[in-house]
């Protein structure tokens, strides 16, 4: 099956989260030499014209979880002003590169410069092959490819529709977790992608889990420091039609 053409949900995604989504996978790697910023996906943060309009220097990381050159500049400016750059939201906690097989798949793509589909939801994965998946589901599940969230089945008489189990509007305080549950096809792979940080059990903003014998798939979402206010999680499955969007409100803990 091929990735579906842009739908209303996808158009909304591209409009609302286009730039930020290119930093979806925060993984800790060995620091690279100064000046080597390959793999980064943040756009330049400088705006304004030559007449001295204010610069916008957001807190960003590249796909490897390392601070970009623009972010380091922003941090230096904030430190000179006596402000702590980590007060800003917008970064995900770093994850050891060998934390689990899903993280390892992202690290391998970052180091090799291959498999860009593991680093961005805007790069389509290979078409889903149900026979290959059935023969070796573990290999598929151990590989992170955010674009899978758009690989959904065409509606049909024998195709189940992806449905949410329980509430789709969730309110969390930073540090709290919530189980996001959907109904898909029995044993099917289901991909969850956070558009606004937070992490899943693998330590990333994207995870693929296998539905149980009744077709129920669960992913545990954590409201990490750095994520605040509205957070949207998209869910897709290649063996079920449609998508689910969970809307999560994240609040800071009380002082």
C-alpha atoms as a PDB file:
ATOM      1  CA  UNK A   1       0.000   0.000   0.000  1.00  0.00           C
ATOM      2  CA  UNK A   2       1.250   3.510  -0.652  1.00  0.00           C
ATOM      3  CA  UNK A   3       1.069   6.537   1.558  1.00  0.00           C
ATOM      4  CA  UNK A   4      -2.286   8.220   1.221  1.00  0.00           C
ATOM      5  CA  UNK A   5      -2.513  11.537  -0.575  1.00  0.00           C
ATOM      6  CA  UNK A   6      -2.773  14.634   1.584  1.00  0.00           C
ATOM      7  CA  UNK A   7      -5.960  14.538   3.601  1.00  0.00           C
ATOM      8  CA  UNK A   8      -7.496  17.171   5.796  1.00  0.00           C
ATOM      9  CA  UNK A   9      -5.489  15.856   8.729  1.00  0.00           C
ATOM     10  CA  UNK A  10      -2.245  15.888   6.783  1.00  0.00           C
ATOM     11  CA  UNK A  11      -2.860  19.373   5.469  1.00  0.00           C
ATOM     12  CA  UNK A  12      -3.468  20.521   9.021  1.00  0.00           C
ATOM     13  CA  UNK A  13      -0.288  18.768  10.144  1.00  0.00           C
ATOM     14  CA  UNK A  14       1.865  20.434   7.506  1.00  0.00           C
ATOM     15  CA  UNK A  15       0.408  23.848   8.291  1.00  0.00           C
ATOM     16  CA  UNK A  16       0.589  23.586  12.083  1.00  0.00           C
ATOM     17  CA  UNK A  17       3.764  21.654  12.692  1.00  0.00           C
ATOM     18  CA  UNK A  18       5.881  21.783   9.556  1.00  0.00           C
ATOM     19  CA  UNK A  19       9.127  23.215  10.911  1.00  0.00           C
ATOM     20  CA  UNK A  20       8.997  21.761  14.393  1.00  0.00           C
ATOM     21  CA  UNK A  21       8.364  18.228  13.181  1.00  0.00           C
ATOM     22  CA  UNK A  22      11.727  18.001  11.522  1.00  0.00           C
ATOM     23  CA  UNK A  23      13.239  17.718  15.030  1.00  0.00           C
ATOM     24  CA  UNK A  24      11.022  14.818  16.138  1.00  0.00           C
ATOM     25  CA  UNK A  25      13.615  12.281  17.248  1.00  0.00           C
ATOM     26  CA  UNK A  26      15.840  13.321  20.176  1.00  0.00           C
ATOM     27  CA  UNK A  27      18.571  10.696  20.632  1.00  0.00           C
ATOM     28  CA  UNK A  28      21.860  11.144  22.511  1.00  0.00           C
ATOM     29  CA  UNK A  29      24.949  10.441  20.396  1.00  0.00           C
ATOM     30  CA  UNK A  30      28.653  10.947  20.886  1.00  0.00           C
ATOM     31  CA  UNK A  31      29.284  14.699  20.443  1.00  0.00           C
ATOM     32  CA  UNK A  32      30.452  15.620  16.965  1.00  0.00           C
ATOM     33  CA  UNK A  33      33.378  17.946  16.201  1.00  0.00           C
ATOM     34  CA  UNK A  34      32.676  21.658  16.191  1.00  0.00           C
ATOM     35  CA  UNK A  35      31.283  22.842  12.900  1.00  0.00           C
ATOM     36  CA  UNK A  36      29.902  19.441  11.910  1.00  0.00           C
ATOM     37  CA  UNK A  37      26.163  20.022  12.022  1.00  0.00           C
ATOM     38  CA  UNK A  38      25.122  17.456   9.413  1.00  0.00           C
ATOM     39  CA  UNK A  39      21.785  15.838  10.075  1.00  0.00           C
ATOM     40  CA  UNK A  40      20.284  18.993  11.562  1.00  0.00           C
ATOM     41  CA  UNK A  41      16.864  19.975  10.375  1.00  0.00           C
ATOM     42  CA  UNK A  42      16.088  23.272  12.055  1.00  0.00           C
ATOM     43  CA  UNK A  43      15.616  26.206   9.759  1.00  0.00           C
ATOM     44  CA  UNK A  44      17.630  29.316  10.412  1.00  0.00           C
ATOM     45  CA  UNK A  45      16.058  31.125  13.375  1.00  0.00           C
ATOM     46  CA  UNK A  46      17.093  34.611  12.317  1.00  0.00           C
ATOM     47  CA  UNK A  47      14.309  36.874  11.162  1.00  0.00           C
ATOM     48  CA  UNK A  48      13.999  40.598  10.535  1.00  0.00           C
ATOM     49  CA  UNK A  49      15.895  42.893   8.222  1.00  0.00           C
ATOM     50  CA  UNK A  50      19.153  44.815   8.237  1.00  0.00           C
ATOM     51  CA  UNK A  51      17.621  47.662  10.216  1.00  0.00           C
ATOM     52  CA  UNK A  52      18.003  45.690  13.425  1.00  0.00           C
ATOM     53  CA  UNK A  53      14.655  44.059  13.972  1.00  0.00           C
ATOM     54  CA  UNK A  54      14.566  41.560  16.820  1.00  0.00           C
ATOM     55  CA  UNK A  55      16.052  38.112  16.233  1.00  0.00           C
ATOM     56  CA  UNK A  56      14.020  35.042  17.074  1.00  0.00           C
ATOM     57  CA  UNK A  57      16.358  32.356  18.378  1.00  0.00           C
ATOM     58  CA  UNK A  58      14.250  29.391  19.482  1.00  0.00           C
ATOM     59  CA  UNK A  59      15.495  26.493  21.558  1.00  0.00           C
ATOM     60  CA  UNK A  60      16.013  23.655  19.079  1.00  0.00           C
ATOM     61  CA  UNK A  61      17.914  20.449  18.574  1.00  0.00           C
ATOM     62  CA  UNK A  62      18.823  18.533  15.474  1.00  0.00           C
ATOM     63  CA  UNK A  63      17.560  15.034  14.765  1.00  0.00           C
ATOM     64  CA  UNK A  64      20.347  13.530  16.904  1.00  0.00           C
ATOM     65  CA  UNK A  65      19.322  15.489  19.994  1.00  0.00           C
ATOM     66  CA  UNK A  66      22.406  17.749  19.783  1.00  0.00           C
ATOM     67  CA  UNK A  67      22.071  21.512  20.040  1.00  0.00           C
ATOM     68  CA  UNK A  68      22.320  23.254  16.699  1.00  0.00           C
ATOM     69  CA  UNK A  69      24.679  26.181  16.116  1.00  0.00           C
ATOM     70  CA  UNK A  70      21.730  28.604  16.266  1.00  0.00           C
ATOM     71  CA  UNK A  71      20.629  27.146  19.579  1.00  0.00           C
ATOM     72  CA  UNK A  72      24.109  27.485  21.063  1.00  0.00           C
ATOM     73  CA  UNK A  73      24.120  31.126  19.980  1.00  0.00           C
ATOM     74  CA  UNK A  74      20.749  31.651  21.615  1.00  0.00           C
ATOM     75  CA  UNK A  75      21.959  30.005  24.833  1.00  0.00           C
ATOM     76  CA  UNK A  76      25.041  32.222  24.946  1.00  0.00           C
ATOM     77  CA  UNK A  77      22.900  35.333  24.561  1.00  0.00           C
ATOM     78  CA  UNK A  78      20.505  34.198  27.273  1.00  0.00           C
ATOM     79  CA  UNK A  79      23.327  33.350  29.672  1.00  0.00           C
ATOM     80  CA  UNK A  80      24.832  36.792  29.155  1.00  0.00           C
ATOM     81  CA  UNK A  81      21.427  38.196  30.047  1.00  0.00           C
ATOM     82  CA  UNK A  82      21.358  36.068  33.194  1.00  0.00           C
ATOM     83  CA  UNK A  83      18.654  33.673  31.971  1.00  0.00           C
ATOM     84  CA  UNK A  84      18.692  29.895  32.010  1.00  0.00           C
ATOM     85  CA  UNK A  85      18.114  28.510  28.467  1.00  0.00           C
ATOM     86  CA  UNK A  86      16.582  25.348  29.902  1.00  0.00           C
ATOM     87  CA  UNK A  87      13.652  27.411  31.134  1.00  0.00           C
ATOM     88  CA  UNK A  88      12.438  27.353  27.549  1.00  0.00           C
ATOM     89  CA  UNK A  89      10.161  24.627  26.412  1.00  0.00           C
ATOM     90  CA  UNK A  90      10.777  22.885  23.107  1.00  0.00           C
ATOM     91  CA  UNK A  91      13.433  20.254  23.772  1.00  0.00           C
ATOM     92  CA  UNK A  92      13.133  16.548  24.433  1.00  0.00           C
ATOM     93  CA  UNK A  93      15.178  14.619  27.002  1.00  0.00           C
ATOM     94  CA  UNK A  94      18.230  12.932  25.496  1.00  0.00           C
ATOM     95  CA  UNK A  95      18.167   9.138  25.236  1.00  0.00           C
ATOM     96  CA  UNK A  96      21.166   6.765  25.313  1.00  0.00           C
ATOM     97  CA  UNK A  97      21.828   5.450  21.830  1.00  0.00           C
ATOM     98  CA  UNK A  98      21.585   1.840  22.994  1.00  0.00           C
ATOM     99  CA  UNK A  99      18.467   2.307  25.132  1.00  0.00           C
ATOM    100  CA  UNK A 100      16.358  -0.058  23.010  1.00  0.00           C
ATOM    101  CA  UNK A 101      16.188  -1.393  19.429  1.00  0.00           C
ATOM    102  CA  UNK A 102      13.909   1.434  18.252  1.00  0.00           C
ATOM    103  CA  UNK A 103      16.364   4.072  19.429  1.00  0.00           C
ATOM    104  CA  UNK A 104      19.217   2.067  17.899  1.00  0.00           C
ATOM    105  CA  UNK A 105      17.475   2.175  14.506  1.00  0.00           C
ATOM    106  CA  UNK A 106      17.418   5.969  14.651  1.00  0.00           C
ATOM    107  CA  UNK A 107      21.038   6.161  15.785  1.00  0.00           C
ATOM    108  CA  UNK A 108      22.093   3.927  12.883  1.00  0.00           C
ATOM    109  CA  UNK A 109      20.315   6.192  10.399  1.00  0.00           C
ATOM    110  CA  UNK A 110      21.902   9.289  11.907  1.00  0.00           C
ATOM    111  CA  UNK A 111      25.407   7.832  11.837  1.00  0.00           C
ATOM    112  CA  UNK A 112      25.215   6.293   8.377  1.00  0.00           C
ATOM    113  CA  UNK A 113      23.387   9.111   6.628  1.00  0.00           C
ATOM    114  CA  UNK A 114      21.017   6.497   5.194  1.00  0.00           C
ATOM    115  CA  UNK A 115      17.358   5.696   5.908  1.00  0.00           C
ATOM    116  CA  UNK A 116      16.226   9.302   6.198  1.00  0.00           C
ATOM    117  CA  UNK A 117      12.679   7.956   6.582  1.00  0.00           C
ATOM    118  CA  UNK A 118      13.613   7.131  10.183  1.00  0.00           C
ATOM    119  CA  UNK A 119      14.303  10.778  10.960  1.00  0.00           C
ATOM    120  CA  UNK A 120      11.348  12.679   9.513  1.00  0.00           C
ATOM    121  CA  UNK A 121       7.609  12.074   9.080  1.00  0.00           C
ATOM    122  CA  UNK A 122       7.775  13.902   5.737  1.00  0.00           C
ATOM    123  CA  UNK A 123       9.843  11.146   4.117  1.00  0.00           C
ATOM    124  CA  UNK A 124       7.687   8.183   3.088  1.00  0.00           C
ATOM    125  CA  UNK A 125       8.737   4.708   4.237  1.00  0.00           C
ATOM    126  CA  UNK A 126       8.736   1.757   1.863  1.00  0.00           C
ATOM    127  CA  UNK A 127       5.232   0.446   1.089  1.00  0.00           C
ATOM    128  CA  UNK A 128       3.888  -1.856   3.767  1.00  0.00           C
ATOM    129  CA  UNK A 129       4.085  -5.551   2.856  1.00  0.00           C
ATOM    130  CA  UNK A 130       1.726  -7.597   5.051  1.00  0.00           C
ATOM    131  CA  UNK A 131       3.430 -10.890   4.148  1.00  0.00           C
ATOM    132  CA  UNK A 132       6.878  -9.633   5.114  1.00  0.00           C
ATOM    133  CA  UNK A 133       5.468  -8.229   8.340  1.00  0.00           C
ATOM    134  CA  UNK A 134       3.674 -11.472   9.167  1.00  0.00           C
ATOM    135  CA  UNK A 135       6.869 -13.474   8.643  1.00  0.00           C
ATOM    136  CA  UNK A 136       9.008 -11.178  10.830  1.00  0.00           C
ATOM    137  CA  UNK A 137       7.003  -8.618  12.825  1.00  0.00           C
ATOM    138  CA  UNK A 138       9.853  -7.955  15.274  1.00  0.00           C
ATOM    139  CA  UNK A 139      12.107  -6.370  12.654  1.00  0.00           C
ATOM    140  CA  UNK A 140       9.314  -4.003  11.611  1.00  0.00           C
ATOM    141  CA  UNK A 141       8.438  -3.094  15.195  1.00  0.00           C
ATOM    142  CA  UNK A 142      12.076  -2.469  16.133  1.00  0.00           C
ATOM    143  CA  UNK A 143      12.482   0.149  13.392  1.00  0.00           C
ATOM    144  CA  UNK A 144      11.221   3.698  13.796  1.00  0.00           C
ATOM    145  CA  UNK A 145       9.718   5.367  10.712  1.00  0.00           C
ATOM    146  CA  UNK A 146       7.462   8.317  11.649  1.00  0.00           C
ATOM    147  CA  UNK A 147       5.904   8.499   8.173  1.00  0.00           C
ATOM    148  CA  UNK A 148       4.133   5.203   8.855  1.00  0.00           C
ATOM    149  CA  UNK A 149       1.463   7.230  10.609  1.00  0.00           C
ATOM    150  CA  UNK A 150       0.223   8.176   7.122  1.00  0.00           C
ATOM    151  CA  UNK A 151       0.337   4.590   5.790  1.00  0.00           C
ATOM    152  CA  UNK A 152      -3.271   3.705   6.397  1.00  0.00           C
ATOM    153  CA  UNK A 153      -5.454   1.209   4.557  1.00  0.00           C
ATOM    154  CA  UNK A 154      -8.049   2.204   2.004  1.00  0.00           C
ATOM    155  CA  UNK A 155     -11.579   1.760   3.396  1.00  0.00           C
ATOM    156  CA  UNK A 156     -13.270  -1.426   2.267  1.00  0.00           C
ATOM    157  CA  UNK A 157     -15.748  -4.116   3.317  1.00  0.00           C
ATOM    158  CA  UNK A 158     -13.101  -6.206   5.116  1.00  0.00           C
ATOM    159  CA  UNK A 159     -10.930  -3.376   6.344  1.00  0.00           C
ATOM    160  CA  UNK A 160     -11.414  -2.369   9.998  1.00  0.00           C
ATOM    161  CA  UNK A 161     -11.578   1.306  10.839  1.00  0.00           C
ATOM    162  CA  UNK A 162      -9.092   2.633  13.366  1.00  0.00           C
ATOM    163  CA  UNK A 163     -10.982   3.716  16.481  1.00  0.00           C
ATOM    164  CA  UNK A 164      -9.995   5.301  19.763  1.00  0.00           C
ATOM    165  CA  UNK A 165     -10.655   3.375  22.950  1.00  0.00           C
ATOM    166  CA  UNK A 166     -11.537   5.779  25.731  1.00  0.00           C
ATOM    167  CA  UNK A 167     -10.982   9.504  25.729  1.00  0.00           C
ATOM    168  CA  UNK A 168      -8.997  11.354  23.104  1.00  0.00           C
ATOM    169  CA  UNK A 169      -8.681  14.546  25.158  1.00  0.00           C
ATOM    170  CA  UNK A 170      -6.183  14.175  27.985  1.00  0.00           C
ATOM    171  CA  UNK A 171      -4.809  16.604  30.583  1.00  0.00           C
ATOM    172  CA  UNK A 172      -1.425  15.879  32.180  1.00  0.00           C
ATOM    173  CA  UNK A 173       1.081  17.589  34.437  1.00  0.00           C
ATOM    174  CA  UNK A 174       4.724  17.357  33.371  1.00  0.00           C
ATOM    175  CA  UNK A 175       6.042  14.018  34.610  1.00  0.00           C
ATOM    176  CA  UNK A 176       2.700  12.228  34.369  1.00  0.00           C
ATOM    177  CA  UNK A 177       1.837   9.484  31.878  1.00  0.00           C
ATOM    178  CA  UNK A 178      -1.292   8.363  30.046  1.00  0.00           C
ATOM    179  CA  UNK A 179      -2.110   5.244  28.035  1.00  0.00           C
ATOM    180  CA  UNK A 180      -3.314   6.055  24.529  1.00  0.00           C
ATOM    181  CA  UNK A 181      -5.423   3.150  23.291  1.00  0.00           C
ATOM    182  CA  UNK A 182      -6.845   2.406  19.841  1.00  0.00           C
ATOM    183  CA  UNK A 183      -8.703  -0.450  18.186  1.00  0.00           C
ATOM    184  CA  UNK A 184      -7.068  -1.688  14.980  1.00  0.00           C
ATOM    185  CA  UNK A 185      -6.720  -5.166  13.413  1.00  0.00           C
ATOM    186  CA  UNK A 186      -5.511  -8.162  15.472  1.00  0.00           C
ATOM    187  CA  UNK A 187      -1.711  -8.282  15.545  1.00  0.00           C
ATOM    188  CA  UNK A 188      -1.378  -5.183  13.344  1.00  0.00           C
ATOM    189  CA  UNK A 189       1.440  -2.646  13.718  1.00  0.00           C
ATOM    190  CA  UNK A 190       0.209   0.726  14.973  1.00  0.00           C
ATOM    191  CA  UNK A 191       2.334   3.872  14.871  1.00  0.00           C
ATOM    192  CA  UNK A 192       1.945   6.750  17.348  1.00  0.00           C
ATOM    193  CA  UNK A 193       3.617  10.085  16.534  1.00  0.00           C
ATOM    194  CA  UNK A 194       3.697  13.097  18.844  1.00  0.00           C
ATOM    195  CA  UNK A 195       3.790  16.386  16.969  1.00  0.00           C
ATOM    196  CA  UNK A 196       4.671  18.464  20.036  1.00  0.00           C
ATOM    197  CA  UNK A 197       7.268  16.553  22.064  1.00  0.00           C
ATOM    198  CA  UNK A 198       6.626  14.403  25.085  1.00  0.00           C
ATOM    199  CA  UNK A 199       7.877  10.830  24.726  1.00  0.00           C
ATOM    200  CA  UNK A 200       6.684   7.243  24.581  1.00  0.00           C
ATOM    201  CA  UNK A 201       8.095   4.255  26.453  1.00  0.00           C
ATOM    202  CA  UNK A 202      11.016   4.010  24.013  1.00  0.00           C
ATOM    203  CA  UNK A 203      12.142   7.537  24.900  1.00  0.00           C
ATOM    204  CA  UNK A 204      11.231   8.953  21.471  1.00  0.00           C
ATOM    205  CA  UNK A 205       8.345  10.998  20.128  1.00  0.00           C
ATOM    206  CA  UNK A 206       7.396   8.125  17.816  1.00  0.00           C
ATOM    207  CA  UNK A 207       6.737   4.469  18.482  1.00  0.00           C
ATOM    208  CA  UNK A 208       5.267   1.473  16.672  1.00  0.00           C
ATOM    209  CA  UNK A 209       3.511  -1.170  18.763  1.00  0.00           C
ATOM    210  CA  UNK A 210       1.732  -4.402  17.902  1.00  0.00           C
ATOM    211  CA  UNK A 211      -1.981  -4.756  18.559  1.00  0.00           C
ATOM    212  CA  UNK A 212      -3.049  -7.729  20.640  1.00  0.00           C
ATOM    213  CA  UNK A 213      -5.263 -10.612  19.510  1.00  0.00           C
ATOM    214  CA  UNK A 214      -8.347  -8.413  19.811  1.00  0.00           C
ATOM    215  CA  UNK A 215      -6.760  -5.579  17.813  1.00  0.00           C
ATOM    216  CA  UNK A 216      -6.132  -3.310  20.808  1.00  0.00           C
ATOM    217  CA  UNK A 217      -2.905  -1.274  20.664  1.00  0.00           C
ATOM    218  CA  UNK A 218      -1.608   0.786  23.594  1.00  0.00           C
ATOM    219  CA  UNK A 219       1.190   3.344  23.773  1.00  0.00           C
ATOM    220  CA  UNK A 220       2.156   5.046  27.030  1.00  0.00           C
ATOM    221  CA  UNK A 221       2.759   8.774  26.561  1.00  0.00           C
ATOM    222  CA  UNK A 222       4.793  10.808  29.056  1.00  0.00           C
ATOM    223  CA  UNK A 223       4.497  14.566  29.480  1.00  0.00           C
ATOM    224  CA  UNK A 224       8.195  15.379  29.728  1.00  0.00           C
ATOM    225  CA  UNK A 225       9.735  18.688  30.790  1.00  0.00           C
ATOM    226  CA  UNK A 226      10.031  20.772  27.649  1.00  0.00           C
ATOM    227  CA  UNK A 227       6.517  19.910  26.508  1.00  0.00           C
ATOM    228  CA  UNK A 228       3.791  22.315  27.544  1.00  0.00           C
ATOM    229  CA  UNK A 229       0.295  23.411  26.538  1.00  0.00           C
ATOM    230  CA  UNK A 230      -1.245  21.625  23.536  1.00  0.00           C
ATOM    231  CA  UNK A 231       0.279  18.372  22.313  1.00  0.00           C
ATOM    232  CA  UNK A 232      -1.173  16.371  19.432  1.00  0.00           C
ATOM    233  CA  UNK A 233      -0.519  12.676  18.826  1.00  0.00           C
ATOM    234  CA  UNK A 234      -1.421  11.102  15.485  1.00  0.00           C
ATOM    235  CA  UNK A 235      -2.041   7.357  15.176  1.00  0.00           C
ATOM    236  CA  UNK A 236      -2.101   5.271  12.000  1.00  0.00           C
ATOM    237  CA  UNK A 237      -2.126   1.604  11.023  1.00  0.00           C
ATOM    238  CA  UNK A 238      -1.472   0.050   7.580  1.00  0.00           C
ATOM    239  CA  UNK A 239      -4.122  -2.606   8.189  1.00  0.00           C
ATOM    240  CA  UNK A 240      -6.896  -0.226   9.269  1.00  0.00           C
ATOM    241  CA  UNK A 241      -8.422   2.821   7.628  1.00  0.00           C
ATOM    242  CA  UNK A 242      -8.424   6.337   8.984  1.00  0.00           C
ATOM    243  CA  UNK A 243      -6.336   8.083  11.631  1.00  0.00           C
ATOM    244  CA  UNK A 244      -6.839   8.987  15.277  1.00  0.00           C
ATOM    245  CA  UNK A 245      -5.682  12.221  16.871  1.00  0.00           C
ATOM    246  CA  UNK A 246      -5.222  12.495  20.623  1.00  0.00           C
ATOM    247  CA  UNK A 247      -5.221  16.031  22.020  1.00  0.00           C
ATOM    248  CA  UNK A 248      -3.157  16.346  25.186  1.00  0.00           C
ATOM    249  CA  UNK A 249      -2.907  19.420  27.386  1.00  0.00           C
ATOM    250  CA  UNK A 250       0.330  19.555  29.392  1.00  0.00           C
ATOM    251  CA  UNK A 251       0.693  21.792  32.419  1.00  0.00           C
ATOM    252  CA  UNK A 252       3.705  22.727  34.511  1.00  0.00           C
ATOM    253  CA  UNK A 253       3.769  21.295  38.036  1.00  0.00           C
ATOM    254  CA  UNK A 254       2.808  23.705  40.759  1.00  0.00           C
ATOM    255  CA  UNK A 255       5.695  25.384  42.558  1.00  0.00           C
END
